Amino acid sequence: MANDGDGGAPRRRADARRNKMTLLDAAAAAFVASGVDAPVRDIAARAGVGVATIYRHFPTRADLVIAVYRHQVESCAEAGPALLASGVTPHAALGRWINLFVDFLVTKHGLAAALRSDDAGFAALHTYFLDRLVPVCAELLGAAAAAGEIRPGVDAYELMRGVGNLCIGADSDPRYDARRLVGFLIAGLR
């Protein structure tokens, strides 16, 4: 039977997805402000829900950290094709996507340590990260090279690794502007 607006199952599922996204966004904001050890009560307050609601969706902190990380990887992955389709030049799309990637990297306070933990859930995240984002970067690089905007043969993994290395320490030195240095790197691809 179709949902006729009476609050049936499809509406509840959509509401549950929306609530989960709100929790993930609130947790991401809390992680940026306080690191991955941000108190659950702070995350709940940001999301406008009770602490029990967070634990209902994410029984452990590891579950929450993994979900936030995966959500942000997906957002970054989805942005690449959208930027290419937006009508800007491929080089501009690459630059905008790299800026999103920089934001992703520099806002992961404490995540590197969590990824090195013994928790099995964290072990697969690096592979997931590479599997989702390297092809997106490669697509952007390919489009920019095909348009003659950058030199051909730039390896997506190497570029992402270089960007990542430029982002190291950005959260511990207020005078260090990773985005500015990465901008030099992207300009140098021309």
N, C-alpha and C. Protein backbone atom coordinates (compact mmCIF):
# COMPACT_ATOMS: atom_id res chain seq x y z
N MET A 1 0.84 -1.20 0.00
CA MET A 1 0.00 0.00 0.00
C MET A 1 0.88 1.25 0.00
N ALA A 2 0.58 2.19 -0.82
CA ALA A 2 1.36 3.42 -0.94
C ALA A 2 1.13 4.30 0.28
N ASN A 3 2.13 5.10 0.57
CA ASN A 3 2.01 6.04 1.67
C ASN A 3 1.20 7.23 1.19
N ASP A 4 0.07 7.47 1.84
CA ASP A 4 -0.81 8.56 1.43
C ASP A 4 -0.68 9.78 2.34
N GLY A 5 0.51 9.90 2.99
CA GLY A 5 0.71 11.08 3.83
C GLY A 5 0.22 10.90 5.24
N ASP A 6 -0.19 9.68 5.61
CA ASP A 6 -0.71 9.48 6.95
C ASP A 6 0.38 9.12 7.96
N GLY A 7 1.65 9.35 7.60
CA GLY A 7 2.73 9.04 8.54
C GLY A 7 3.16 7.60 8.46
N GLY A 8 2.97 6.99 7.32
CA GLY A 8 3.32 5.58 7.15
C GLY A 8 4.82 5.36 7.11
N ALA A 9 5.20 4.14 6.81
CA ALA A 9 6.58 3.70 6.87
C ALA A 9 7.53 4.52 5.99
N PRO A 10 7.20 4.83 4.72
CA PRO A 10 8.16 5.61 3.92
C PRO A 10 8.49 6.96 4.55
N ARG A 11 7.51 7.62 5.13
CA ARG A 11 7.76 8.91 5.78
C ARG A 11 8.64 8.72 7.02
N ARG A 12 8.37 7.67 7.79
CA ARG A 12 9.20 7.43 8.97
C ARG A 12 10.65 7.15 8.57
N ARG A 13 10.85 6.38 7.50
CA ARG A 13 12.21 6.08 7.05
C ARG A 13 12.91 7.37 6.61
N ALA A 14 12.21 8.23 5.88
CA ALA A 14 12.80 9.50 5.45
C ALA A 14 13.15 10.36 6.66
N ASP A 15 12.26 10.41 7.64
CA ASP A 15 12.53 11.17 8.86
C ASP A 15 13.73 10.59 9.61
N ALA A 16 13.82 9.28 9.68
CA ALA A 16 14.95 8.63 10.36
C ALA A 16 16.26 8.94 9.66
N ARG A 17 16.28 8.92 8.31
CA ARG A 17 17.48 9.26 7.56
C ARG A 17 17.88 10.72 7.81
N ARG A 18 16.88 11.59 7.79
CA ARG A 18 17.14 13.02 8.02
C ARG A 18 17.70 13.23 9.44
N ASN A 19 17.11 12.55 10.42
CA ASN A 19 17.59 12.66 11.80
C ASN A 19 19.02 12.15 11.93
N LYS A 20 19.31 11.06 11.24
CA LYS A 20 20.66 10.50 11.30
C LYS A 20 21.66 11.46 10.66
N MET A 21 21.29 12.10 9.54
CA MET A 21 22.16 13.08 8.90
C MET A 21 22.39 14.28 9.83
N THR A 22 21.34 14.69 10.53
CA THR A 22 21.47 15.80 11.49
C THR A 22 22.46 15.43 12.58
N LEU A 23 22.37 14.20 13.08
CA LEU A 23 23.31 13.73 14.10
C LEU A 23 24.74 13.70 13.56
N LEU A 24 24.91 13.21 12.34
CA LEU A 24 26.25 13.14 11.75
C LEU A 24 26.83 14.54 11.55
N ASP A 25 26.02 15.47 11.09
CA ASP A 25 26.49 16.85 10.90
C ASP A 25 26.85 17.49 12.24
N ALA A 26 26.02 17.24 13.26
CA ALA A 26 26.30 17.78 14.60
C ALA A 26 27.57 17.17 15.17
N ALA A 27 27.76 15.88 14.97
CA ALA A 27 28.96 15.22 15.47
C ALA A 27 30.19 15.76 14.74
N ALA A 28 30.08 15.94 13.43
CA ALA A 28 31.21 16.48 12.67
C ALA A 28 31.59 17.86 13.18
N ALA A 29 30.60 18.71 13.43
CA ALA A 29 30.87 20.06 13.95
C ALA A 29 31.52 19.98 15.34
N ALA A 30 31.05 19.08 16.17
CA ALA A 30 31.65 18.90 17.50
C ALA A 30 33.08 18.39 17.39
N PHE A 31 33.33 17.49 16.45
CA PHE A 31 34.68 16.97 16.26
C PHE A 31 35.62 18.06 15.79
N VAL A 32 35.14 18.96 14.93
CA VAL A 32 35.96 20.07 14.47
C VAL A 32 36.31 20.97 15.66
N ALA A 33 35.32 21.25 16.50
CA ALA A 33 35.52 22.16 17.62
C ALA A 33 36.35 21.53 18.74
N SER A 34 36.13 20.24 19.02
CA SER A 34 36.72 19.63 20.22
C SER A 34 37.46 18.34 19.98
N GLY A 35 37.53 17.87 18.74
CA GLY A 35 38.18 16.60 18.48
C GLY A 35 37.20 15.44 18.60
N VAL A 36 37.67 14.24 18.27
CA VAL A 36 36.78 13.08 18.25
C VAL A 36 36.37 12.63 19.65
N ASP A 37 36.97 13.21 20.67
CA ASP A 37 36.57 12.88 22.05
C ASP A 37 35.54 13.87 22.59
N ALA A 38 34.91 14.66 21.71
CA ALA A 38 33.88 15.61 22.14
C ALA A 38 32.81 14.86 22.93
N PRO A 39 32.35 15.44 24.03
CA PRO A 39 31.32 14.77 24.83
C PRO A 39 30.03 14.53 24.03
N VAL A 40 29.47 13.36 24.23
CA VAL A 40 28.23 12.99 23.53
C VAL A 40 27.12 13.98 23.87
N ARG A 41 27.10 14.49 25.08
CA ARG A 41 26.06 15.46 25.45
C ARG A 41 26.17 16.73 24.61
N ASP A 42 27.42 17.13 24.24
CA ASP A 42 27.61 18.30 23.38
C ASP A 42 27.07 18.03 21.97
N ILE A 43 27.33 16.83 21.48
CA ILE A 43 26.83 16.44 20.15
C ILE A 43 25.31 16.43 20.16
N ALA A 44 24.73 15.85 21.23
CA ALA A 44 23.27 15.79 21.35
C ALA A 44 22.68 17.20 21.37
N ALA A 45 23.32 18.10 22.10
CA ALA A 45 22.82 19.48 22.18
C ALA A 45 22.87 20.15 20.81
N ARG A 46 23.95 19.95 20.08
CA ARG A 46 24.07 20.52 18.73
C ARG A 46 22.98 19.99 17.80
N ALA A 47 22.66 18.70 17.98
CA ALA A 47 21.66 18.06 17.11
C ALA A 47 20.23 18.31 17.58
N GLY A 48 20.08 18.82 18.81
CA GLY A 48 18.74 19.05 19.35
C GLY A 48 18.03 17.76 19.73
N VAL A 49 18.80 16.77 20.17
CA VAL A 49 18.23 15.48 20.57
C VAL A 49 18.78 15.09 21.94
N GLY A 50 18.23 14.04 22.49
CA GLY A 50 18.74 13.52 23.74
C GLY A 50 19.93 12.60 23.49
N VAL A 51 20.72 12.39 24.53
CA VAL A 51 21.89 11.52 24.44
C VAL A 51 21.47 10.10 24.04
N ALA A 52 20.34 9.66 24.54
CA ALA A 52 19.86 8.31 24.22
C ALA A 52 19.63 8.13 22.72
N THR A 53 19.22 9.18 22.06
CA THR A 53 18.99 9.10 20.61
C THR A 53 20.30 8.82 19.89
N ILE A 54 21.37 9.45 20.33
CA ILE A 54 22.67 9.20 19.70
C ILE A 54 23.07 7.74 19.90
N TYR A 55 22.92 7.25 21.13
CA TYR A 55 23.29 5.87 21.40
C TYR A 55 22.38 4.87 20.69
N ARG A 56 21.18 5.25 20.40
CA ARG A 56 20.29 4.37 19.65
C ARG A 56 20.80 4.20 18.22
N HIS A 57 21.31 5.26 17.64
CA HIS A 57 21.86 5.20 16.28
C HIS A 57 23.29 4.68 16.26
N PHE A 58 24.08 5.07 17.27
CA PHE A 58 25.51 4.76 17.32
C PHE A 58 25.86 4.25 18.71
N PRO A 59 25.80 2.94 18.92
CA PRO A 59 25.99 2.38 20.26
C PRO A 59 27.34 2.69 20.90
N THR A 60 28.38 2.91 20.09
CA THR A 60 29.70 3.23 20.64
C THR A 60 30.24 4.49 19.98
N ARG A 61 31.23 5.10 20.64
CA ARG A 61 31.88 6.27 20.06
C ARG A 61 32.53 5.88 18.73
N ALA A 62 33.12 4.71 18.67
CA ALA A 62 33.75 4.25 17.42
C ALA A 62 32.72 4.20 16.30
N ASP A 63 31.52 3.73 16.59
CA ASP A 63 30.47 3.69 15.57
C ASP A 63 30.16 5.10 15.06
N LEU A 64 30.11 6.06 15.97
CA LEU A 64 29.81 7.44 15.59
C LEU A 64 30.95 8.04 14.77
N VAL A 65 32.19 7.84 15.21
CA VAL A 65 33.34 8.39 14.48
C VAL A 65 33.40 7.81 13.07
N ILE A 66 33.21 6.51 12.97
CA ILE A 66 33.24 5.85 11.66
C ILE A 66 32.13 6.38 10.77
N ALA A 67 30.94 6.54 11.32
CA ALA A 67 29.80 7.03 10.52
C ALA A 67 30.05 8.46 10.04
N VAL A 68 30.59 9.31 10.90
CA VAL A 68 30.89 10.69 10.49
C VAL A 68 31.94 10.69 9.39
N TYR A 69 32.97 9.92 9.58
CA TYR A 69 34.05 9.85 8.60
C TYR A 69 33.51 9.37 7.24
N ARG A 70 32.73 8.29 7.26
CA ARG A 70 32.18 7.76 6.01
C ARG A 70 31.24 8.77 5.35
N HIS A 71 30.44 9.44 6.15
CA HIS A 71 29.51 10.46 5.64
C HIS A 71 30.28 11.58 4.94
N GLN A 72 31.39 12.01 5.54
CA GLN A 72 32.16 13.10 4.96
C GLN A 72 32.94 12.64 3.73
N VAL A 73 33.40 11.40 3.73
CA VAL A 73 34.05 10.87 2.53
C VAL A 73 33.05 10.84 1.39
N GLU A 74 31.83 10.37 1.67
CA GLU A 74 30.79 10.33 0.62
C GLU A 74 30.47 11.72 0.10
N SER A 75 30.38 12.69 0.98
CA SER A 75 30.11 14.07 0.54
C SER A 75 31.21 14.57 -0.38
N CYS A 76 32.45 14.29 -0.02
CA CYS A 76 33.59 14.71 -0.84
C CYS A 76 33.57 13.98 -2.18
N ALA A 77 33.27 12.69 -2.15
CA ALA A 77 33.23 11.89 -3.39
C ALA A 77 32.13 12.39 -4.32
N GLU A 78 30.97 12.71 -3.77
CA GLU A 78 29.85 13.17 -4.59
C GLU A 78 30.09 14.57 -5.15
N ALA A 79 30.91 15.35 -4.48
CA ALA A 79 31.16 16.72 -4.93
C ALA A 79 31.96 16.78 -6.23
N GLY A 80 32.84 15.82 -6.46
CA GLY A 80 33.68 15.86 -7.66
C GLY A 80 32.88 15.90 -8.94
N PRO A 81 32.05 14.89 -9.20
CA PRO A 81 31.24 14.91 -10.43
C PRO A 81 30.30 16.12 -10.49
N ALA A 82 29.78 16.53 -9.35
CA ALA A 82 28.89 17.69 -9.34
C ALA A 82 29.64 18.95 -9.76
N LEU A 83 30.87 19.10 -9.30
CA LEU A 83 31.67 20.26 -9.70
C LEU A 83 31.99 20.24 -11.19
N LEU A 84 32.31 19.05 -11.71
CA LEU A 84 32.57 18.96 -13.16
C LEU A 84 31.34 19.31 -13.97
N ALA A 85 30.18 18.92 -13.48
CA ALA A 85 28.94 19.17 -14.20
C ALA A 85 28.44 20.61 -14.04
N SER A 86 29.04 21.36 -13.13
CA SER A 86 28.53 22.70 -12.82
C SER A 86 28.83 23.74 -13.89
N GLY A 87 29.69 23.39 -14.84
CA GLY A 87 29.97 24.33 -15.92
C GLY A 87 31.24 25.12 -15.73
N VAL A 88 31.89 25.02 -14.57
CA VAL A 88 33.17 25.69 -14.41
C VAL A 88 34.21 24.91 -15.19
N THR A 89 35.37 25.47 -15.40
CA THR A 89 36.41 24.74 -16.12
C THR A 89 36.85 23.53 -15.29
N PRO A 90 37.36 22.50 -15.94
CA PRO A 90 37.83 21.34 -15.17
C PRO A 90 38.92 21.69 -14.15
N HIS A 91 39.81 22.62 -14.49
CA HIS A 91 40.84 23.03 -13.53
C HIS A 91 40.21 23.71 -12.32
N ALA A 92 39.22 24.56 -12.56
CA ALA A 92 38.52 25.22 -11.45
C ALA A 92 37.77 24.19 -10.61
N ALA A 93 37.14 23.21 -11.27
CA ALA A 93 36.45 22.14 -10.53
C ALA A 93 37.45 21.37 -9.67
N LEU A 94 38.62 21.07 -10.23
CA LEU A 94 39.67 20.38 -9.47
C LEU A 94 40.08 21.21 -8.27
N GLY A 95 40.30 22.49 -8.47
CA GLY A 95 40.70 23.37 -7.37
C GLY A 95 39.65 23.43 -6.27
N ARG A 96 38.39 23.51 -6.66
CA ARG A 96 37.31 23.55 -5.65
C ARG A 96 37.22 22.23 -4.90
N TRP A 97 37.38 21.13 -5.64
CA TRP A 97 37.31 19.82 -4.99
C TRP A 97 38.49 19.64 -4.03
N ILE A 98 39.66 20.06 -4.45
CA ILE A 98 40.83 19.96 -3.58
C ILE A 98 40.62 20.80 -2.32
N ASN A 99 39.97 21.95 -2.44
CA ASN A 99 39.65 22.75 -1.25
C ASN A 99 38.73 21.98 -0.30
N LEU A 100 37.75 21.28 -0.85
CA LEU A 100 36.88 20.44 -0.01
C LEU A 100 37.70 19.33 0.65
N PHE A 101 38.61 18.75 -0.09
CA PHE A 101 39.47 17.70 0.43
C PHE A 101 40.35 18.25 1.55
N VAL A 102 40.89 19.45 1.38
CA VAL A 102 41.69 20.09 2.44
C VAL A 102 40.83 20.29 3.68
N ASP A 103 39.63 20.81 3.51
CA ASP A 103 38.73 20.98 4.65
C ASP A 103 38.52 19.66 5.37
N PHE A 104 38.29 18.60 4.61
CA PHE A 104 38.10 17.28 5.17
C PHE A 104 39.32 16.87 6.00
N LEU A 105 40.51 17.09 5.45
CA LEU A 105 41.72 16.65 6.13
C LEU A 105 42.03 17.46 7.39
N VAL A 106 41.91 18.78 7.31
CA VAL A 106 42.34 19.60 8.44
C VAL A 106 41.32 19.65 9.58
N THR A 107 40.12 19.14 9.34
CA THR A 107 39.12 19.16 10.41
C THR A 107 39.00 17.82 11.12
N LYS A 108 39.94 16.94 10.93
CA LYS A 108 39.87 15.62 11.55
C LYS A 108 40.71 15.54 12.81
N HIS A 109 40.52 16.49 13.74
CA HIS A 109 41.26 16.50 14.99
C HIS A 109 41.14 15.14 15.68
N GLY A 110 42.23 14.51 15.93
CA GLY A 110 42.23 13.25 16.67
C GLY A 110 41.87 12.03 15.86
N LEU A 111 41.42 12.22 14.63
CA LEU A 111 41.00 11.06 13.85
C LEU A 111 42.19 10.20 13.45
N ALA A 112 43.32 10.80 13.19
CA ALA A 112 44.50 10.00 12.81
C ALA A 112 44.85 9.02 13.92
N ALA A 113 44.82 9.48 15.15
CA ALA A 113 45.11 8.58 16.27
C ALA A 113 44.04 7.50 16.38
N ALA A 114 42.79 7.86 16.17
CA ALA A 114 41.72 6.87 16.24
C ALA A 114 41.88 5.83 15.14
N LEU A 115 42.32 6.26 13.97
CA LEU A 115 42.49 5.32 12.86
C LEU A 115 43.63 4.34 13.12
N ARG A 116 44.58 4.74 13.96
CA ARG A 116 45.68 3.83 14.31
C ARG A 116 45.32 2.92 15.47
N SER A 117 44.13 3.06 16.03
CA SER A 117 43.73 2.25 17.18
C SER A 117 43.53 0.80 16.75
N ASP A 118 43.28 -0.04 17.72
CA ASP A 118 43.07 -1.46 17.45
C ASP A 118 41.63 -1.78 17.07
N ASP A 119 40.74 -0.82 17.07
CA ASP A 119 39.35 -1.07 16.74
C ASP A 119 39.22 -1.54 15.29
N ALA A 120 38.61 -2.68 15.10
CA ALA A 120 38.49 -3.26 13.76
C ALA A 120 37.71 -2.35 12.81
N GLY A 121 36.77 -1.58 13.34
CA GLY A 121 35.98 -0.69 12.51
C GLY A 121 36.81 0.39 11.84
N PHE A 122 37.90 0.79 12.50
CA PHE A 122 38.75 1.83 11.93
C PHE A 122 39.70 1.28 10.88
N ALA A 123 39.98 0.00 10.95
CA ALA A 123 40.98 -0.60 10.07
C ALA A 123 40.62 -0.44 8.59
N ALA A 124 39.37 -0.56 8.24
CA ALA A 124 38.96 -0.49 6.84
C ALA A 124 38.73 0.93 6.33
N LEU A 125 38.77 1.91 7.21
CA LEU A 125 38.45 3.28 6.78
C LEU A 125 39.45 3.85 5.79
N HIS A 126 40.72 3.57 5.99
CA HIS A 126 41.71 4.12 5.06
C HIS A 126 41.51 3.56 3.66
N THR A 127 41.24 2.27 3.57
CA THR A 127 40.97 1.65 2.27
C THR A 127 39.71 2.24 1.65
N TYR A 128 38.68 2.42 2.46
CA TYR A 128 37.43 3.03 1.99
C TYR A 128 37.69 4.43 1.45
N PHE A 129 38.45 5.21 2.21
CA PHE A 129 38.83 6.57 1.84
C PHE A 129 39.49 6.57 0.46
N LEU A 130 40.49 5.72 0.28
CA LEU A 130 41.19 5.66 -1.00
C LEU A 130 40.29 5.16 -2.13
N ASP A 131 39.51 4.12 -1.86
CA ASP A 131 38.63 3.56 -2.89
C ASP A 131 37.59 4.56 -3.37
N ARG A 132 37.13 5.44 -2.50
CA ARG A 132 36.10 6.41 -2.89
C ARG A 132 36.70 7.68 -3.49
N LEU A 133 37.82 8.17 -2.96
CA LEU A 133 38.30 9.50 -3.34
C LEU A 133 39.35 9.50 -4.45
N VAL A 134 40.20 8.50 -4.52
CA VAL A 134 41.21 8.50 -5.59
C VAL A 134 40.55 8.50 -6.98
N PRO A 135 39.52 7.68 -7.23
CA PRO A 135 38.89 7.74 -8.56
C PRO A 135 38.26 9.11 -8.87
N VAL A 136 37.72 9.78 -7.87
CA VAL A 136 37.14 11.10 -8.08
C VAL A 136 38.23 12.09 -8.47
N CYS A 137 39.33 12.06 -7.74
CA CYS A 137 40.45 12.94 -8.06
C CYS A 137 40.98 12.63 -9.46
N ALA A 138 41.08 11.34 -9.79
CA ALA A 138 41.56 10.94 -11.11
C ALA A 138 40.64 11.45 -12.21
N GLU A 139 39.34 11.41 -11.98
CA GLU A 139 38.38 11.93 -12.97
C GLU A 139 38.58 13.43 -13.18
N LEU A 140 38.76 14.16 -12.09
CA LEU A 140 38.97 15.61 -12.19
C LEU A 140 40.29 15.92 -12.91
N LEU A 141 41.34 15.18 -12.54
CA LEU A 141 42.62 15.38 -13.21
C LEU A 141 42.53 15.05 -14.70
N GLY A 142 41.85 13.96 -15.03
CA GLY A 142 41.69 13.57 -16.43
C GLY A 142 40.95 14.62 -17.23
N ALA A 143 39.90 15.17 -16.64
CA ALA A 143 39.12 16.21 -17.35
C ALA A 143 39.97 17.46 -17.57
N ALA A 144 40.74 17.84 -16.55
CA ALA A 144 41.58 19.04 -16.68
C ALA A 144 42.70 18.80 -17.70
N ALA A 145 43.27 17.60 -17.73
CA ALA A 145 44.31 17.29 -18.71
C ALA A 145 43.72 17.26 -20.12
N ALA A 146 42.54 16.64 -20.27
CA ALA A 146 41.89 16.57 -21.59
C ALA A 146 41.55 17.96 -22.12
N ALA A 147 41.26 18.89 -21.21
CA ALA A 147 40.96 20.26 -21.62
C ALA A 147 42.23 21.08 -21.85
N GLY A 148 43.39 20.47 -21.64
CA GLY A 148 44.65 21.17 -21.84
C GLY A 148 44.97 22.16 -20.73
N GLU A 149 44.31 22.04 -19.60
CA GLU A 149 44.50 23.00 -18.50
C GLU A 149 45.62 22.61 -17.54
N ILE A 150 45.96 21.33 -17.51
CA ILE A 150 47.08 20.86 -16.69
C ILE A 150 47.90 19.89 -17.51
N ARG A 151 49.10 19.65 -17.07
CA ARG A 151 49.94 18.67 -17.76
C ARG A 151 49.35 17.28 -17.55
N PRO A 152 49.43 16.43 -18.55
CA PRO A 152 48.90 15.07 -18.41
C PRO A 152 49.82 14.22 -17.52
N GLY A 153 49.26 13.13 -17.03
CA GLY A 153 50.06 12.17 -16.29
C GLY A 153 50.18 12.42 -14.80
N VAL A 154 49.43 13.37 -14.26
CA VAL A 154 49.46 13.59 -12.82
C VAL A 154 48.69 12.45 -12.16
N ASP A 155 49.33 11.77 -11.23
CA ASP A 155 48.73 10.64 -10.54
C ASP A 155 47.85 11.12 -9.38
N ALA A 156 46.62 10.66 -9.36
CA ALA A 156 45.67 11.12 -8.33
C ALA A 156 46.14 10.78 -6.92
N TYR A 157 46.62 9.57 -6.72
CA TYR A 157 47.07 9.17 -5.39
C TYR A 157 48.24 10.05 -4.93
N GLU A 158 49.19 10.29 -5.83
CA GLU A 158 50.33 11.13 -5.46
C GLU A 158 49.89 12.55 -5.13
N LEU A 159 48.98 13.09 -5.92
CA LEU A 159 48.48 14.44 -5.64
C LEU A 159 47.79 14.49 -4.28
N MET A 160 46.92 13.51 -4.02
CA MET A 160 46.20 13.50 -2.75
C MET A 160 47.18 13.31 -1.58
N ARG A 161 48.19 12.50 -1.77
CA ARG A 161 49.19 12.31 -0.73
C ARG A 161 49.95 13.61 -0.48
N GLY A 162 50.31 14.31 -1.56
CA GLY A 162 50.98 15.60 -1.42
C GLY A 162 50.13 16.62 -0.69
N VAL A 163 48.85 16.68 -1.06
CA VAL A 163 47.92 17.59 -0.38
C VAL A 163 47.83 17.22 1.10
N GLY A 164 47.72 15.92 1.37
CA GLY A 164 47.65 15.47 2.77
C GLY A 164 48.89 15.87 3.55
N ASN A 165 50.05 15.74 2.94
CA ASN A 165 51.28 16.12 3.63
C ASN A 165 51.33 17.61 3.89
N LEU A 166 50.81 18.41 2.97
CA LEU A 166 50.77 19.86 3.20
C LEU A 166 49.80 20.25 4.31
N CYS A 167 48.85 19.38 4.61
CA CYS A 167 47.86 19.67 5.64
C CYS A 167 48.32 19.27 7.04
N ILE A 168 49.38 18.48 7.13
CA ILE A 168 49.86 18.04 8.44
C ILE A 168 50.27 19.24 9.26
N GLY A 169 49.79 19.32 10.45
CA GLY A 169 50.15 20.38 11.37
C GLY A 169 49.33 21.64 11.24
N ALA A 170 48.41 21.67 10.30
CA ALA A 170 47.61 22.89 10.11
C ALA A 170 46.77 23.22 11.34
N ASP A 171 46.37 22.19 12.10
CA ASP A 171 45.54 22.44 13.27
C ASP A 171 46.34 22.87 14.49
N SER A 172 47.68 22.75 14.43
CA SER A 172 48.48 23.08 15.60
C SER A 172 49.25 24.40 15.45
N ASP A 173 49.20 25.01 14.28
CA ASP A 173 49.93 26.27 14.07
C ASP A 173 49.00 27.26 13.38
N PRO A 174 48.50 28.24 14.11
CA PRO A 174 47.54 29.19 13.52
C PRO A 174 48.11 30.01 12.37
N ARG A 175 49.43 30.10 12.26
CA ARG A 175 50.03 30.86 11.16
C ARG A 175 50.19 30.04 9.90
N TYR A 176 49.97 28.74 10.00
CA TYR A 176 50.16 27.83 8.87
C TYR A 176 48.86 27.75 8.08
N ASP A 177 48.91 28.12 6.80
CA ASP A 177 47.71 28.12 5.96
C ASP A 177 47.85 27.02 4.90
N ALA A 178 47.35 25.85 5.25
CA ALA A 178 47.45 24.70 4.35
C ALA A 178 46.76 24.99 3.02
N ARG A 179 45.63 25.65 3.07
CA ARG A 179 44.88 25.93 1.84
C ARG A 179 45.72 26.79 0.88
N ARG A 180 46.46 27.73 1.39
CA ARG A 180 47.29 28.60 0.55
C ARG A 180 48.39 27.78 -0.13
N LEU A 181 49.04 26.92 0.64
CA LEU A 181 50.11 26.10 0.08
C LEU A 181 49.57 25.10 -0.94
N VAL A 182 48.42 24.52 -0.65
CA VAL A 182 47.80 23.60 -1.60
C VAL A 182 47.41 24.35 -2.86
N GLY A 183 46.99 25.60 -2.73
CA GLY A 183 46.68 26.43 -3.90
C GLY A 183 47.88 26.58 -4.82
N PHE A 184 49.08 26.75 -4.22
CA PHE A 184 50.30 26.82 -5.02
C PHE A 184 50.52 25.50 -5.77
N LEU A 185 50.27 24.40 -5.09
CA LEU A 185 50.45 23.09 -5.70
C LEU A 185 49.52 22.91 -6.90
N ILE A 186 48.26 23.26 -6.73
CA ILE A 186 47.27 23.10 -7.81
C ILE A 186 47.61 24.04 -8.97
N ALA A 187 48.02 25.27 -8.67
CA ALA A 187 48.41 26.21 -9.73
C ALA A 187 49.62 25.67 -10.49
N GLY A 188 50.50 24.97 -9.79
CA GLY A 188 51.69 24.42 -10.43
C GLY A 188 51.43 23.26 -11.37
N LEU A 189 50.21 22.73 -11.36
CA LEU A 189 49.87 21.64 -12.27
C LEU A 189 49.66 22.14 -13.70
N ARG A 190 49.50 23.43 -13.87
CA ARG A 190 49.24 23.99 -15.21
C ARG A 190 50.41 23.79 -16.13
